[in-house]
Amino acid sequence: MHRLLAHPPRLALVCAAACVVGCAAGLPPEMTSDLILTNGAVVTEDPARPGARAVAVRGDTIAAVGTDDDIVKLAGPKTRRIDLRGAMVVPGLIDAHGHVRSFGEELANLDLHGVASIEEVARRVRERDAVLPPGAWITGHGWDQNLWPGKKFPDHRPLTEAAPGRPVWLRRVDGHASWANRKAMEVAGVTRRTPEPSGGKIERDARGDPTGVFVDNAQDLVKKARPAPTREQIKEWLRLSLQRLAAGGLTEIHDASVDPEDVDAYRELADEGNLPLRVYLMWNGIGKALIEPLVERPIFVNYRNRLTLRAVKLMVDGAMGSRGAVFQEDYSDDKGNRGLFVTEPDELERRAELAMREGYQVCTHAIGDRGIRLTIDAYEKALAAVKPTDPRPRIEHLQCVTPEDVARLKPLGIIASMQPSHATSDMYWAEDRVGPERGKGLYAWRWVLDSGVIIAAGSDFPVDPEKPLIGLHSAVTRQDLKNWPAGGWHPDQKMSFEEALRAYTRGAAYAAYEEDHKGRIAPGYWADLTVIGKDLREIPPEEIPNAGIDFTIVGGSVVYERR
């Protein structure tokens, strides 16, 4: 696998920056900075200079890091100057696992996160039905039966009564189950005679009729009946999403599972200069999707200084919330159920080997302890067969793991792509699924870090909030936004603030082969910076989520500014 360098060697830039600082008087215009930030608390993640007060940017790279006196010497008449007033500057925060198109589509449709009853969902569907044109589907995302009385999956009747003449299709918060009304099932041709698809489940009533809930691969039965979006719709969803993500302080997203139509839309946005953030793309190699035509397409790196495609997303199992994650033993709250294979183990191994042979990084969703073990097995076999150069395989989520399998990660070079806020959004019910003994391995960040494995942090938006400050708070407290429970849930698995920040910067950059360009504030690195309103090291941890984002800077351009 070849590496593409988008910038001159860093050593030359370091030397140039040192000369500039030392010879500041009488600088020619081409040696002045385009942007300087002064009077701040700069956390560089650079061992050579861990802290500073100011940063200078020239073009799309860091020109110098130092004291206020050092940096102001680099300003010219056209330099933009930002007085940070003590704000914290960190390397541009990265979300290593999110779903950009899904988030944008959600922003344009019903947001059901946190809705506490079926009745409230039905009310919102009824309101949407009254304003949509004929033929349009009602779509939405974010419902969670664990928030409702009884905590049971719903059936189609509330949605059917709310919008009897229009298809309704609502995705669960984790994306691993969806809820349809009768009209949607009729349009899709789903009846009691519809067979269970491989890797999916149709929830049925006592008579065998579909209830309206479809788990994992069964979602495709209804989803395929939806009208295909236009290119402009997809681009608008991407734009909406990226604008919101920039406001959260994010400078790069790893978009976990894209189809060719998404890649084409991204490239058009990049050509138009309408990609505010960097995006690292993973092909959608999930379920029945054909992987061969995807990995036969050429890798591209840093297209238009914004877009990279060099990874493939695979998926072995479902999610714990919908009881689709694959475990070695039964679910503690659902005897006889050990989860669903979205991809059978032999096929997972075949796909991993094929992707590695074509030079692609492999990123596999694995949540249950058996799903994680089988993914490690598949990587071990594929790595031995292909012997790729610098493969950096990733496990996405790694939510319930055993100590024995944690010990296998580093020898195979596996990166743990984990989402800190999953722990604090799932903690109310997660241990019910697996019991107290297996529960020791839930969101086991401490085990992973202590074994020497790199964590790349993210949120899995729109499953969880896209705001990295919420993720940092979850990582260091293991508490929700109301500071519950006291002391944190399984507090032995907490990260330090330094570890959590590293996971959102250097760790995530490494997971995208960008550690030579991103993840530090140092001369020659990309000028990707997140400016946080308060120094997070100096405030109580419970205040982290509300510290605020002052600026998001990507390639030297301010893409978000708090007004």
Protein backbone atom coordinates (compact mmCIF):
# COMPACT_ATOMS: atom_id res chain seq x y z
CA MET A 1 0.00 0.00 0.00
CA HIS A 2 1.59 3.24 -1.10
CA ARG A 3 1.52 6.47 0.90
CA LEU A 4 0.86 9.79 -0.83
CA LEU A 5 2.46 12.94 0.53
CA ALA A 6 0.38 16.05 0.00
CA HIS A 7 2.93 18.45 1.50
CA PRO A 8 6.68 19.10 1.43
CA PRO A 9 8.87 17.24 3.91
CA ARG A 10 8.14 18.43 7.43
CA LEU A 11 11.81 18.95 8.32
CA ALA A 12 12.17 21.64 5.67
CA LEU A 13 9.10 23.44 6.98
CA VAL A 14 10.33 23.19 10.57
CA CYS A 15 13.65 24.76 9.55
CA ALA A 16 11.88 27.48 7.57
CA ALA A 17 9.61 28.27 10.50
CA ALA A 18 12.58 28.49 12.88
CA CYS A 19 14.33 30.89 10.53
CA VAL A 20 11.20 33.01 10.25
CA VAL A 21 10.89 33.35 14.02
CA GLY A 22 14.55 34.20 14.37
CA CYS A 23 14.65 36.65 11.47
CA ALA A 24 11.25 38.30 11.85
CA ALA A 25 12.29 41.89 11.29
CA GLY A 26 11.67 43.06 7.75
CA LEU A 27 9.90 39.94 6.56
CA PRO A 28 8.97 39.93 2.88
CA PRO A 29 5.19 39.54 2.29
CA GLU A 30 5.54 35.92 1.16
CA MET A 31 7.02 34.98 4.56
CA THR A 32 4.27 36.52 6.69
CA SER A 33 1.43 34.45 8.06
CA ASP A 34 -2.12 34.40 6.78
CA LEU A 35 -3.55 33.76 10.25
CA ILE A 36 -2.21 34.05 13.77
CA LEU A 37 -3.85 32.99 17.01
CA THR A 38 -2.45 34.50 20.20
CA ASN A 39 -3.13 34.66 23.93
CA GLY A 40 -4.36 31.10 24.19
CA ALA A 41 -3.75 27.77 25.90
CA VAL A 42 -2.34 25.69 23.03
CA VAL A 43 -2.19 21.92 23.56
CA THR A 44 0.03 20.75 20.74
CA GLU A 45 0.18 16.95 21.22
CA ASP A 46 3.79 17.46 20.09
CA PRO A 47 6.33 15.94 22.51
CA ALA A 48 8.93 18.43 21.31
CA ARG A 49 6.79 21.31 22.55
CA PRO A 50 3.73 20.15 24.54
CA GLY A 51 2.33 23.62 25.22
CA ALA A 52 2.41 27.11 23.75
CA ARG A 53 0.53 30.38 23.69
CA ALA A 54 0.21 31.14 20.00
CA VAL A 55 0.12 29.63 16.51
CA ALA A 56 0.90 31.01 13.05
CA VAL A 57 -0.63 29.62 9.85
CA ARG A 58 0.62 30.11 6.32
CA GLY A 59 -1.52 28.70 3.54
CA ASP A 60 -2.96 25.41 4.73
CA THR A 61 -0.17 24.46 7.15
CA ILE A 62 1.17 25.43 10.56
CA ALA A 63 4.06 27.86 10.11
CA ALA A 64 5.15 28.28 13.72
CA VAL A 65 4.15 27.58 17.32
CA GLY A 66 5.44 29.58 20.26
CA THR A 67 4.99 32.55 22.54
CA ASP A 68 2.84 35.54 21.73
CA ASP A 69 5.98 37.60 21.09
CA ASP A 70 7.31 34.98 18.66
CA ILE A 71 4.12 34.74 16.67
CA VAL A 72 3.09 38.39 16.39
CA LYS A 73 6.38 39.01 14.59
CA LEU A 74 5.05 36.86 11.76
CA ALA A 75 2.02 39.07 11.09
CA GLY A 76 1.81 41.24 8.03
CA PRO A 77 -0.72 43.83 6.88
CA LYS A 78 -3.03 41.15 5.46
CA THR A 79 -2.74 38.69 8.35
CA ARG A 80 -5.94 37.81 10.18
CA ARG A 81 -5.34 38.04 13.93
CA ILE A 82 -7.43 36.16 16.49
CA ASP A 83 -7.07 37.04 20.16
CA LEU A 84 -8.03 33.82 21.91
CA ARG A 85 -8.58 35.50 25.29
CA GLY A 86 -7.36 32.39 27.07
CA ALA A 87 -9.32 29.89 24.98
CA MET A 88 -7.96 26.40 24.46
CA VAL A 89 -6.52 25.37 21.10
CA VAL A 90 -6.16 21.68 20.31
CA PRO A 91 -5.28 19.77 17.14
CA GLY A 92 -8.38 19.62 14.96
CA LEU A 93 -10.78 17.15 16.55
CA ILE A 94 -11.67 14.10 14.47
CA ASP A 95 -14.74 11.87 14.67
CA ALA A 96 -13.43 8.45 13.68
CA HIS A 97 -16.86 6.89 13.12
CA GLY A 98 -19.96 8.70 11.92
CA HIS A 99 -22.59 8.61 9.19
CA VAL A 100 -22.67 11.91 7.35
CA ARG A 101 -25.47 11.26 4.87
CA SER A 102 -27.70 9.65 7.51
CA PHE A 103 -27.16 12.61 9.83
CA GLY A 104 -28.04 15.09 7.09
CA GLU A 105 -31.12 13.10 6.15
CA GLU A 106 -32.15 13.08 9.80
CA LEU A 107 -31.70 16.85 10.02
CA ALA A 108 -34.12 17.13 7.11
CA ASN A 109 -36.63 14.67 8.63
CA LEU A 110 -38.07 13.57 11.99
CA ASP A 111 -35.61 13.56 14.88
CA LEU A 112 -36.87 11.08 17.49
CA HIS A 113 -33.89 11.04 19.84
CA GLY A 114 -34.99 11.08 23.45
CA VAL A 115 -38.73 10.75 22.67
CA ALA A 116 -40.15 9.08 25.77
CA SER A 117 -43.30 7.40 24.47
CA ILE A 118 -44.88 5.75 21.44
CA GLU A 119 -47.70 8.29 21.66
CA GLU A 120 -45.28 11.18 21.15
CA VAL A 121 -43.76 9.45 18.11
CA ALA A 122 -47.25 8.99 16.65
CA ARG A 123 -48.10 12.65 17.29
CA ARG A 124 -45.02 13.80 15.37
CA VAL A 125 -45.81 11.42 12.51
CA ARG A 126 -49.38 12.81 12.36
CA GLU A 127 -48.03 16.36 12.15
CA ARG A 128 -45.60 15.46 9.38
CA ASP A 129 -48.33 13.65 7.44
CA ALA A 130 -50.37 16.87 7.35
CA VAL A 131 -47.64 18.88 5.57
CA LEU A 132 -45.96 16.46 3.15
CA PRO A 133 -46.99 16.27 -0.52
CA PRO A 134 -48.76 13.17 -1.85
CA GLY A 135 -46.47 10.21 -2.43
CA ALA A 136 -43.74 11.31 -0.02
CA TRP A 137 -42.63 8.92 2.70
CA ILE A 138 -42.43 9.96 6.33
CA THR A 139 -38.93 9.10 7.50
CA GLY A 140 -37.12 9.63 10.75
CA HIS A 141 -34.48 8.31 13.08
CA GLY A 142 -33.64 8.00 16.76
CA TRP A 143 -36.45 6.09 18.49
CA ASP A 144 -35.40 3.88 21.39
CA GLN A 145 -37.81 1.48 23.05
CA ASN A 146 -35.61 1.43 26.14
CA LEU A 147 -36.95 4.91 26.95
CA TRP A 148 -40.58 3.79 26.84
CA PRO A 149 -42.74 2.09 29.51
CA GLY A 150 -42.23 -1.66 29.16
CA LYS A 151 -39.11 -1.25 26.98
CA LYS A 152 -40.58 -3.48 24.27
CA PHE A 153 -40.44 -3.19 20.51
CA PRO A 154 -43.51 -1.41 19.10
CA ASP A 155 -45.85 -2.64 16.37
CA HIS A 156 -47.14 -0.86 13.28
CA ARG A 157 -50.53 0.21 14.66
CA PRO A 158 -49.61 3.62 16.16
CA LEU A 159 -47.90 4.61 12.91
CA THR A 160 -50.68 3.16 10.76
CA GLU A 161 -53.30 5.12 12.70
CA ALA A 162 -51.23 8.32 12.52
CA ALA A 163 -50.66 8.15 8.74
CA PRO A 164 -52.82 5.40 7.20
CA GLY A 165 -52.36 6.47 3.58
CA ARG A 166 -48.65 7.20 3.57
CA PRO A 167 -45.58 4.95 4.09
CA VAL A 168 -43.80 5.58 7.40
CA TRP A 169 -40.25 4.30 7.98
CA LEU A 170 -38.42 5.19 11.20
CA ARG A 171 -34.92 3.93 12.03
CA ARG A 172 -34.00 2.98 15.58
CA VAL A 173 -31.35 5.06 17.38
CA ASP A 174 -28.58 2.56 16.58
CA GLY A 175 -29.61 2.08 12.94
CA HIS A 176 -29.94 -1.68 13.48
CA ALA A 177 -33.72 -1.83 13.47
CA SER A 178 -36.48 0.11 11.74
CA TRP A 179 -40.19 0.54 12.35
CA ALA A 180 -42.76 0.63 9.53
CA ASN A 181 -46.47 1.24 9.27
CA ARG A 182 -48.83 -1.02 7.31
CA LYS A 183 -48.67 1.16 4.19
CA ALA A 184 -44.87 0.89 4.02
CA MET A 185 -45.07 -2.89 4.33
CA GLU A 186 -47.75 -3.04 1.61
CA VAL A 187 -45.63 -0.94 -0.76
CA ALA A 188 -42.65 -3.22 -0.04
CA GLY A 189 -44.72 -6.39 -0.51
CA VAL A 190 -43.94 -7.71 2.97
CA THR A 191 -46.47 -10.27 4.26
CA ARG A 192 -46.57 -13.19 6.68
CA ARG A 193 -45.18 -15.32 3.83
CA THR A 194 -42.05 -13.17 3.50
CA PRO A 195 -39.09 -15.32 4.64
CA GLU A 196 -36.46 -14.21 7.14
CA PRO A 197 -33.44 -12.87 5.29
CA SER A 198 -29.96 -14.03 6.21
CA GLY A 199 -28.60 -11.86 9.01
CA GLY A 200 -31.95 -10.25 9.73
CA LYS A 201 -35.15 -10.71 11.65
CA ILE A 202 -38.77 -9.77 10.96
CA GLU A 203 -40.56 -9.29 14.26
CA ARG A 204 -43.89 -11.15 14.13
CA ASP A 205 -47.01 -11.45 16.25
CA ALA A 206 -48.58 -14.67 17.53
CA ARG A 207 -50.25 -15.27 14.15
CA GLY A 208 -46.99 -14.84 12.25
CA ASP A 209 -47.85 -11.44 10.78
CA PRO A 210 -45.04 -8.86 10.63
CA THR A 211 -45.40 -6.36 13.47
CA GLY A 212 -43.60 -3.58 11.62
CA VAL A 213 -40.15 -3.90 13.22
CA PHE A 214 -37.30 -5.12 11.04
CA VAL A 215 -33.88 -5.93 12.52
CA ASP A 216 -30.50 -5.64 10.75
CA ASN A 217 -30.56 -7.12 7.22
CA ALA A 218 -34.37 -7.41 7.29
CA GLN A 219 -34.51 -3.62 7.00
CA ASP A 220 -33.58 -3.96 3.34
CA LEU A 221 -36.97 -5.55 2.63
CA VAL A 222 -38.71 -2.20 3.14
CA LYS A 223 -35.84 0.20 2.54
CA LYS A 224 -35.51 -0.90 -1.09
CA ALA A 225 -39.09 0.23 -1.75
CA ARG A 226 -38.31 3.85 -0.86
CA PRO A 227 -37.91 6.27 -3.78
CA ALA A 228 -34.22 6.74 -4.62
CA PRO A 229 -32.88 10.19 -3.68
CA THR A 230 -31.54 12.48 -6.35
CA ARG A 231 -27.88 13.54 -6.50
CA GLU A 232 -28.87 17.02 -5.33
CA GLN A 233 -30.75 15.58 -2.33
CA ILE A 234 -27.68 13.58 -1.32
CA LYS A 235 -25.44 16.63 -1.68
CA GLU A 236 -27.82 18.72 0.39
CA TRP A 237 -27.84 16.07 3.15
CA LEU A 238 -24.04 16.04 3.14
CA ARG A 239 -23.92 19.86 3.29
CA LEU A 240 -26.40 20.06 6.17
CA SER A 241 -24.49 17.43 8.10
CA LEU A 242 -21.02 18.88 7.58
CA GLN A 243 -22.15 22.37 8.61
CA ARG A 244 -23.48 20.99 11.90
CA LEU A 245 -20.34 18.93 12.45
CA ALA A 246 -18.11 21.95 11.92
CA ALA A 247 -20.11 23.82 14.55
CA GLY A 248 -19.33 21.00 16.96
CA GLY A 249 -15.58 21.58 16.58
CA LEU A 250 -14.86 18.70 14.22
CA THR A 251 -12.30 19.12 11.45
CA GLU A 252 -12.48 15.61 9.97
CA ILE A 253 -15.00 12.78 9.79
CA HIS A 254 -14.46 9.10 9.07
CA ASP A 255 -17.66 8.31 7.17
CA ALA A 256 -18.38 4.68 8.03
CA SER A 257 -20.01 3.06 4.98
CA VAL A 258 -20.62 4.93 1.75
CA ASP A 259 -22.02 3.77 -1.57
CA PRO A 260 -20.79 4.86 -5.02
CA GLU A 261 -23.54 7.51 -5.27
CA ASP A 262 -22.28 9.04 -2.01
CA VAL A 263 -18.68 9.10 -3.23
CA ASP A 264 -19.77 10.81 -6.44
CA ALA A 265 -21.69 13.43 -4.44
CA TYR A 266 -18.68 14.04 -2.19
CA ARG A 267 -16.38 14.49 -5.17
CA GLU A 268 -18.75 16.98 -6.74
CA LEU A 269 -18.86 18.97 -3.51
CA ALA A 270 -15.05 18.89 -3.35
CA ASP A 271 -14.82 20.09 -6.96
CA GLU A 272 -17.18 22.94 -6.11
CA GLY A 273 -15.15 23.91 -3.04
CA ASN A 274 -18.09 23.00 -0.79
CA LEU A 275 -16.46 20.51 1.57
CA PRO A 276 -15.72 22.45 4.77
CA LEU A 277 -14.23 19.41 6.55
CA ARG A 278 -11.88 16.61 5.64
CA VAL A 279 -13.65 13.29 5.09
CA TYR A 280 -12.15 9.79 5.23
CA LEU A 281 -14.44 7.39 3.39
CA MET A 282 -15.13 3.69 3.98
CA TRP A 283 -16.89 1.69 1.30
CA ASN A 284 -20.12 -0.02 2.38
CA GLY A 285 -19.16 -3.69 2.33
CA ILE A 286 -21.99 -4.74 4.66
CA GLY A 287 -24.50 -7.59 4.37
CA LYS A 288 -25.36 -8.58 0.82
CA ALA A 289 -23.54 -5.65 -0.73
CA LEU A 290 -21.08 -6.81 -3.40
CA ILE A 291 -17.59 -5.87 -2.31
CA GLU A 292 -15.70 -6.79 -5.49
CA PRO A 293 -16.70 -3.77 -7.65
CA LEU A 294 -15.91 -1.46 -4.75
CA VAL A 295 -12.40 -2.59 -3.89
CA GLU A 296 -11.51 -2.82 -7.59
CA ARG A 297 -11.94 0.95 -7.78
CA PRO A 298 -8.72 2.90 -7.19
CA ILE A 299 -7.88 4.37 -3.83
CA PHE A 300 -7.55 8.15 -3.73
CA VAL A 301 -5.90 10.23 -1.01
CA ASN A 302 -6.48 13.90 -0.12
CA TYR A 303 -8.49 14.71 -3.22
CA ARG A 304 -8.91 18.50 -3.44
CA ASN A 305 -7.21 18.71 -0.05
CA ARG A 306 -10.35 17.28 1.54
CA LEU A 307 -11.34 13.75 0.55
CA THR A 308 -9.77 10.30 0.98
CA LEU A 309 -11.10 6.85 0.05
CA ARG A 310 -8.93 3.95 1.18
CA ALA A 311 -11.05 1.84 3.58
CA VAL A 312 -13.89 -0.68 3.56
CA LYS A 313 -16.52 -1.07 6.27
CA LEU A 314 -17.58 -4.63 7.09
CA MET A 315 -20.04 -5.78 9.75
CA VAL A 316 -20.14 -9.07 11.61
CA ASP A 317 -23.10 -8.52 13.95
CA GLY A 318 -25.86 -6.14 14.99
CA ALA A 319 -26.29 -3.96 18.08
CA MET A 320 -26.98 -4.70 21.73
CA GLY A 321 -29.94 -2.36 21.91
CA SER A 322 -31.87 -4.43 19.37
CA ARG A 323 -30.28 -7.69 20.65
CA GLY A 324 -28.50 -8.34 17.39
CA ALA A 325 -24.90 -8.23 18.68
CA VAL A 326 -23.44 -11.75 18.64
CA PHE A 327 -22.44 -13.27 21.99
CA GLN A 328 -20.89 -16.52 23.06
CA GLU A 329 -23.70 -17.05 25.60
CA ASP A 330 -27.37 -16.09 25.65
CA TYR A 331 -28.50 -12.56 26.31
CA SER A 332 -29.14 -12.30 30.02
CA ASP A 333 -32.52 -10.68 29.38
CA ASP A 334 -33.51 -12.85 26.37
CA LYS A 335 -32.76 -16.51 26.94
CA GLY A 336 -32.13 -18.51 23.79
CA ASN A 337 -30.96 -15.45 21.82
CA ARG A 338 -27.26 -15.01 21.05
CA GLY A 339 -27.63 -12.37 18.34
CA LEU A 340 -27.52 -12.24 14.54
CA PHE A 341 -24.67 -12.56 12.06
CA VAL A 342 -24.95 -9.70 9.59
CA THR A 343 -22.07 -11.37 7.78
CA GLU A 344 -21.21 -15.04 8.30
CA PRO A 345 -17.68 -15.61 9.66
CA ASP A 346 -16.35 -17.34 6.51
CA GLU A 347 -17.64 -14.52 4.33
CA LEU A 348 -16.19 -11.93 6.69
CA GLU A 349 -12.78 -13.55 6.35
CA ARG A 350 -13.10 -13.67 2.54
CA ARG A 351 -14.03 -10.01 2.35
CA ALA A 352 -11.25 -8.94 4.69
CA GLU A 353 -8.68 -10.83 2.63
CA LEU A 354 -10.01 -9.46 -0.65
CA ALA A 355 -9.95 -5.86 0.59
CA MET A 356 -6.42 -6.21 1.96
CA ARG A 357 -5.20 -7.66 -1.35
CA GLU A 358 -6.52 -4.57 -3.11
CA GLY A 359 -4.70 -2.27 -0.68
CA TYR A 360 -7.74 -1.22 1.34
CA GLN A 361 -7.87 -0.79 5.09
CA VAL A 362 -10.52 -3.03 6.68
CA CYS A 363 -12.83 -1.59 9.36
CA THR A 364 -15.28 -4.09 10.88
CA HIS A 365 -18.27 -3.36 13.08
CA ALA A 366 -18.11 -5.87 15.96
CA ILE A 367 -20.01 -5.41 19.23
CA GLY A 368 -20.71 -8.72 21.00
CA ASP A 369 -17.90 -10.78 22.52
CA ARG A 370 -18.29 -13.55 19.96
CA GLY A 371 -18.53 -11.06 17.09
CA ILE A 372 -15.30 -9.42 18.28
CA ARG A 373 -13.50 -12.75 18.64
CA LEU A 374 -14.53 -13.88 15.16
CA THR A 375 -13.43 -10.57 13.68
CA ILE A 376 -10.00 -10.93 15.27
CA ASP A 377 -9.87 -14.49 13.90
CA ALA A 378 -10.77 -13.23 10.42
CA TYR A 379 -8.09 -10.52 10.56
CA GLU A 380 -5.48 -12.98 11.79
CA LYS A 381 -6.16 -15.31 8.84
CA ALA A 382 -6.38 -12.52 6.26
CA LEU A 383 -3.16 -10.88 7.46
CA ALA A 384 -1.33 -14.20 7.30
CA ALA A 385 -2.63 -14.88 3.79
CA VAL A 386 -1.98 -11.43 2.30
CA LYS A 387 0.92 -10.08 4.36
CA PRO A 388 -0.04 -6.48 3.49
CA THR A 389 2.22 -3.52 4.16
CA ASP A 390 0.90 -1.32 6.97
CA PRO A 391 -2.71 -2.62 6.93
CA ARG A 392 -3.94 -0.98 10.18
CA PRO A 393 -7.13 -3.07 10.54
CA ARG A 394 -9.81 -1.51 12.73
CA ILE A 395 -12.56 -2.89 14.90
CA GLU A 396 -15.44 -0.45 15.04
CA HIS A 397 -17.19 -0.21 18.44
CA LEU A 398 -15.56 -3.12 20.36
CA GLN A 399 -18.35 -2.75 22.91
CA CYS A 400 -18.29 -5.96 24.96
CA VAL A 401 -14.89 -7.63 24.95
CA THR A 402 -13.05 -10.23 27.01
CA PRO A 403 -9.57 -9.67 28.47
CA GLU A 404 -8.30 -12.59 26.39
CA ASP A 405 -9.33 -10.89 23.16
CA VAL A 406 -7.98 -7.48 24.21
CA ALA A 407 -4.59 -9.17 24.50
CA ARG A 408 -4.82 -10.23 20.83
CA LEU A 409 -5.31 -6.74 19.42
CA LYS A 410 -1.85 -5.16 19.57
CA PRO A 411 0.10 -8.14 18.14
CA LEU A 412 -2.12 -7.94 15.05
CA GLY A 413 -1.87 -4.14 14.82
CA ILE A 414 -5.62 -3.73 15.31
CA ILE A 415 -6.91 -0.22 16.06
CA ALA A 416 -9.84 0.15 18.46
CA SER A 417 -12.33 2.60 16.94
CA MET A 418 -14.53 3.30 19.97
CA GLN A 419 -17.23 5.83 20.81
CA PRO A 420 -17.04 7.15 24.40
CA SER A 421 -20.61 8.42 24.55
CA HIS A 422 -21.95 4.94 23.74
CA ALA A 423 -21.05 3.97 27.29
CA THR A 424 -23.05 6.78 28.84
CA SER A 425 -26.04 6.45 26.52
CA ASP A 426 -26.21 2.65 26.89
CA MET A 427 -25.35 2.29 30.59
CA TYR A 428 -28.98 2.37 31.70
CA TRP A 429 -29.68 -1.00 30.07
CA ALA A 430 -26.42 -2.48 28.72
CA GLU A 431 -25.70 -4.64 31.76
CA ASP A 432 -29.23 -6.04 31.61
CA ARG A 433 -28.27 -7.50 28.24
CA VAL A 434 -25.09 -9.25 29.37
CA GLY A 435 -25.13 -9.56 33.17
CA PRO A 436 -22.53 -8.31 35.66
CA GLU A 437 -19.66 -10.64 34.75
CA ARG A 438 -19.65 -9.93 31.01
CA GLY A 439 -20.50 -6.34 31.91
CA LYS A 440 -16.95 -5.83 33.15
CA GLY A 441 -15.89 -5.76 29.49
CA LEU A 442 -18.43 -3.15 28.37
CA TYR A 443 -16.75 -0.13 26.73
CA ALA A 444 -13.46 -1.26 28.27
CA TRP A 445 -11.27 1.68 27.35
CA ARG A 446 -8.85 1.15 30.22
CA TRP A 447 -8.20 -2.47 29.28
CA VAL A 448 -7.56 -1.41 25.67
CA LEU A 449 -5.23 1.49 26.51
CA ASP A 450 -3.30 -0.47 29.11
CA SER A 451 -2.62 -3.17 26.52
CA GLY A 452 -0.94 -0.57 24.29
CA VAL A 453 -3.68 -0.45 21.65
CA ILE A 454 -4.48 2.84 19.89
CA ILE A 455 -8.01 4.16 20.36
CA ALA A 456 -9.57 6.30 17.65
CA ALA A 457 -12.54 8.08 19.20
CA GLY A 458 -15.83 9.01 17.59
CA SER A 459 -19.54 9.27 18.24
CA ASP A 460 -21.33 7.10 15.64
CA PHE A 461 -23.55 10.11 14.92
CA PRO A 462 -26.50 10.26 14.44
CA VAL A 463 -26.72 7.36 16.90
CA ASP A 464 -25.17 9.60 19.58
CA PRO A 465 -24.64 13.37 19.58
CA GLU A 466 -22.05 14.56 17.10
CA LYS A 467 -20.40 16.88 19.64
CA PRO A 468 -16.89 15.76 20.68
CA LEU A 469 -17.12 17.73 23.94
CA ILE A 470 -19.83 15.28 25.00
CA GLY A 471 -17.54 12.41 24.05
CA LEU A 472 -14.64 13.88 26.04
CA HIS A 473 -16.92 14.26 29.06
CA SER A 474 -18.09 10.65 28.75
CA ALA A 475 -14.52 9.40 28.45
CA VAL A 476 -13.24 11.08 31.60
CA THR A 477 -16.34 10.74 33.82
CA ARG A 478 -18.42 7.78 32.52
CA GLN A 479 -21.40 9.86 33.61
CA ASP A 480 -24.38 11.29 31.76
CA LEU A 481 -25.01 15.00 31.38
CA LYS A 482 -26.79 15.02 34.75
CA ASN A 483 -23.61 13.67 36.40
CA TRP A 484 -25.12 10.25 37.05
CA PRO A 485 -24.04 7.88 38.47
CA ALA A 486 -21.91 9.32 41.25
CA GLY A 487 -18.29 8.40 40.59
CA GLY A 488 -19.10 7.07 37.11
CA TRP A 489 -20.36 3.80 35.65
CA HIS A 490 -17.62 1.16 35.85
CA PRO A 491 -15.19 3.94 36.81
CA ASP A 492 -12.20 1.60 36.54
CA GLN A 493 -12.52 2.00 32.74
CA LYS A 494 -12.24 5.81 32.64
CA MET A 495 -9.71 7.60 30.45
CA SER A 496 -7.61 10.51 31.62
CA PHE A 497 -8.27 13.79 29.84
CA GLU A 498 -4.94 13.48 28.03
CA GLU A 499 -5.83 9.99 26.80
CA ALA A 500 -9.27 11.08 25.65
CA LEU A 501 -7.93 14.08 23.74
CA ARG A 502 -5.28 11.89 22.11
CA ALA A 503 -8.01 9.50 20.94
CA TYR A 504 -9.81 12.36 19.18
CA THR A 505 -6.59 13.71 17.63
CA ARG A 506 -3.46 11.60 17.22
CA GLY A 507 -5.29 8.29 17.58
CA ALA A 508 -7.91 9.12 14.99
CA ALA A 509 -5.27 10.59 12.66
CA TYR A 510 -3.26 7.36 12.87
CA ALA A 511 -6.40 5.36 12.08
CA ALA A 512 -6.61 7.28 8.78
CA TYR A 513 -2.87 7.13 7.91
CA GLU A 514 -2.60 10.86 8.58
CA GLU A 515 -0.32 11.01 11.60
CA ASP A 516 2.39 12.77 9.56
CA HIS A 517 -0.01 15.59 8.67
CA LYS A 518 -2.66 15.76 11.36
CA GLY A 519 -3.15 15.22 15.09
CA ARG A 520 -0.49 17.68 16.28
CA ILE A 521 0.04 21.42 16.26
CA ALA A 522 3.55 21.63 14.89
CA PRO A 523 5.28 23.31 11.94
CA GLY A 524 4.50 21.53 8.68
CA TYR A 525 1.31 19.87 9.90
CA TRP A 526 -2.06 20.71 8.35
CA ALA A 527 -3.54 23.84 9.90
CA ASP A 528 -6.55 22.00 11.36
CA LEU A 529 -7.39 23.48 14.75
CA THR A 530 -10.28 23.40 17.20
CA VAL A 531 -10.65 26.38 19.53
CA ILE A 532 -12.62 25.58 22.69
CA GLY A 533 -14.08 28.40 24.76
CA LYS A 534 -12.51 27.25 28.02
CA ASP A 535 -9.35 25.41 28.99
CA LEU A 536 -10.83 21.98 29.69
CA ARG A 537 -7.94 21.13 32.00
CA GLU A 538 -8.86 24.01 34.31
CA ILE A 539 -12.60 23.44 34.76
CA PRO A 540 -14.57 20.72 36.60
CA PRO A 541 -15.19 17.73 34.28
CA GLU A 542 -18.97 18.21 34.51
CA GLU A 543 -18.55 21.55 32.71
CA ILE A 544 -16.80 20.08 29.66
CA PRO A 545 -19.94 19.57 27.49
CA ASN A 546 -20.88 23.25 27.79
CA ALA A 547 -17.42 24.78 27.25
CA GLY A 548 -18.41 25.77 23.72
CA ILE A 549 -16.59 25.89 20.39
CA ASP A 550 -15.21 29.30 19.39
CA PHE A 551 -13.58 28.42 16.05
CA THR A 552 -13.15 25.41 13.78
CA ILE A 553 -10.25 25.83 11.36
CA VAL A 554 -9.50 23.44 8.49
CA GLY A 555 -6.51 23.91 6.21
CA GLY A 556 -6.05 27.43 7.58
CA SER A 557 -9.65 28.44 6.76
CA VAL A 558 -12.13 29.31 9.48
CA VAL A 559 -15.12 27.06 8.70
CA TYR A 560 -17.04 27.85 11.88
CA GLU A 561 -16.94 30.88 14.17
CA ARG A 562 -19.11 31.40 17.23
CA ARG A 563 -20.96 34.70 16.93
